[in-house]
Amino acid sequence: MPRIVVPGYEADTTGSSKDTNENENRPLLQQW
């Protein structure tokens, strides 16, 4: 899995909440 460097994203990438974090950070990735 590629490492995406987005402030506030990397610190929250845990296996248990992986899907949640991806959904929450989708708008952030679109801004970039």
N, C-alpha and C. Protein backbone atom coordinates (compact mmCIF):
# COMPACT_ATOMS: atom_id res chain seq x y z
N MET A 1 0.85 -1.20 0.00
CA MET A 1 0.00 0.00 0.00
C MET A 1 0.88 1.24 0.00
N PRO A 2 0.66 2.14 -0.94
CA PRO A 2 1.51 3.33 -1.05
C PRO A 2 1.34 4.27 0.13
N ARG A 3 2.42 4.93 0.47
CA ARG A 3 2.39 5.87 1.59
C ARG A 3 1.91 7.23 1.09
N ILE A 4 0.78 7.67 1.59
CA ILE A 4 0.25 8.98 1.19
C ILE A 4 0.57 9.97 2.29
N VAL A 5 1.34 10.99 1.96
CA VAL A 5 1.76 11.97 2.96
C VAL A 5 0.79 13.15 2.94
N VAL A 6 -0.17 13.10 3.85
CA VAL A 6 -1.12 14.20 4.01
C VAL A 6 -1.21 14.51 5.49
N PRO A 7 -1.05 15.76 5.89
CA PRO A 7 -1.10 16.12 7.31
C PRO A 7 -2.36 15.57 7.98
N GLY A 8 -2.18 14.85 9.07
CA GLY A 8 -3.31 14.30 9.80
C GLY A 8 -3.77 12.95 9.29
N TYR A 9 -3.18 12.49 8.19
CA TYR A 9 -3.62 11.20 7.63
C TYR A 9 -2.73 10.06 8.11
N GLU A 10 -1.44 10.23 7.98
CA GLU A 10 -0.51 9.15 8.29
C GLU A 10 -0.62 8.72 9.75
N ALA A 11 -0.83 9.68 10.65
CA ALA A 11 -0.90 9.38 12.07
C ALA A 11 -2.14 8.55 12.40
N ASP A 12 -3.15 8.61 11.53
CA ASP A 12 -4.42 7.94 11.81
C ASP A 12 -4.58 6.63 11.03
N THR A 13 -3.56 6.23 10.29
CA THR A 13 -3.69 5.02 9.49
C THR A 13 -3.45 3.79 10.36
N THR A 14 -4.53 3.29 10.96
CA THR A 14 -4.45 2.06 11.74
C THR A 14 -5.31 1.00 11.06
N GLY A 15 -4.96 -0.26 11.23
CA GLY A 15 -5.67 -1.33 10.55
C GLY A 15 -7.14 -1.38 10.90
N SER A 16 -7.47 -1.06 12.15
CA SER A 16 -8.85 -1.20 12.60
C SER A 16 -9.75 -0.11 12.02
N SER A 17 -9.20 1.05 11.75
CA SER A 17 -10.01 2.16 11.25
C SER A 17 -9.56 2.59 9.87
N LYS A 18 -8.98 1.65 9.13
CA LYS A 18 -8.45 1.95 7.80
C LYS A 18 -9.53 2.52 6.89
N ASP A 19 -10.67 1.84 6.79
CA ASP A 19 -11.72 2.28 5.89
C ASP A 19 -12.27 3.64 6.29
N THR A 20 -12.41 3.85 7.59
CA THR A 20 -12.93 5.13 8.08
C THR A 20 -12.00 6.26 7.71
N ASN A 21 -10.72 6.06 7.90
CA ASN A 21 -9.76 7.10 7.59
C ASN A 21 -9.71 7.39 6.10
N GLU A 22 -9.85 6.38 5.28
CA GLU A 22 -9.85 6.60 3.84
C GLU A 22 -11.04 7.45 3.44
N ASN A 23 -12.20 7.19 4.03
CA ASN A 23 -13.39 7.96 3.70
C ASN A 23 -13.27 9.39 4.20
N GLU A 24 -12.70 9.58 5.38
CA GLU A 24 -12.58 10.92 5.94
C GLU A 24 -11.57 11.76 5.17
N ASN A 25 -10.52 11.11 4.66
CA ASN A 25 -9.46 11.84 4.00
C ASN A 25 -9.66 11.96 2.49
N ARG A 26 -10.70 11.37 1.97
CA ARG A 26 -10.94 11.46 0.54
C ARG A 26 -11.07 12.92 0.09
N PRO A 27 -11.83 13.78 0.77
CA PRO A 27 -11.89 15.21 0.39
C PRO A 27 -10.52 15.86 0.46
N LEU A 28 -9.70 15.49 1.44
CA LEU A 28 -8.36 16.08 1.57
C LEU A 28 -7.51 15.70 0.37
N LEU A 29 -7.62 14.46 -0.07
CA LEU A 29 -6.84 14.02 -1.22
C LEU A 29 -7.31 14.73 -2.48
N GLN A 30 -8.59 15.00 -2.59
CA GLN A 30 -9.12 15.70 -3.76
C GLN A 30 -8.64 17.14 -3.80
N GLN A 31 -8.45 17.75 -2.63
CA GLN A 31 -7.95 19.12 -2.59
C GLN A 31 -6.54 19.21 -3.16
N TRP A 32 -5.74 18.16 -2.93
CA TRP A 32 -4.38 18.14 -3.47
C TRP A 32 -4.45 17.84 -4.96
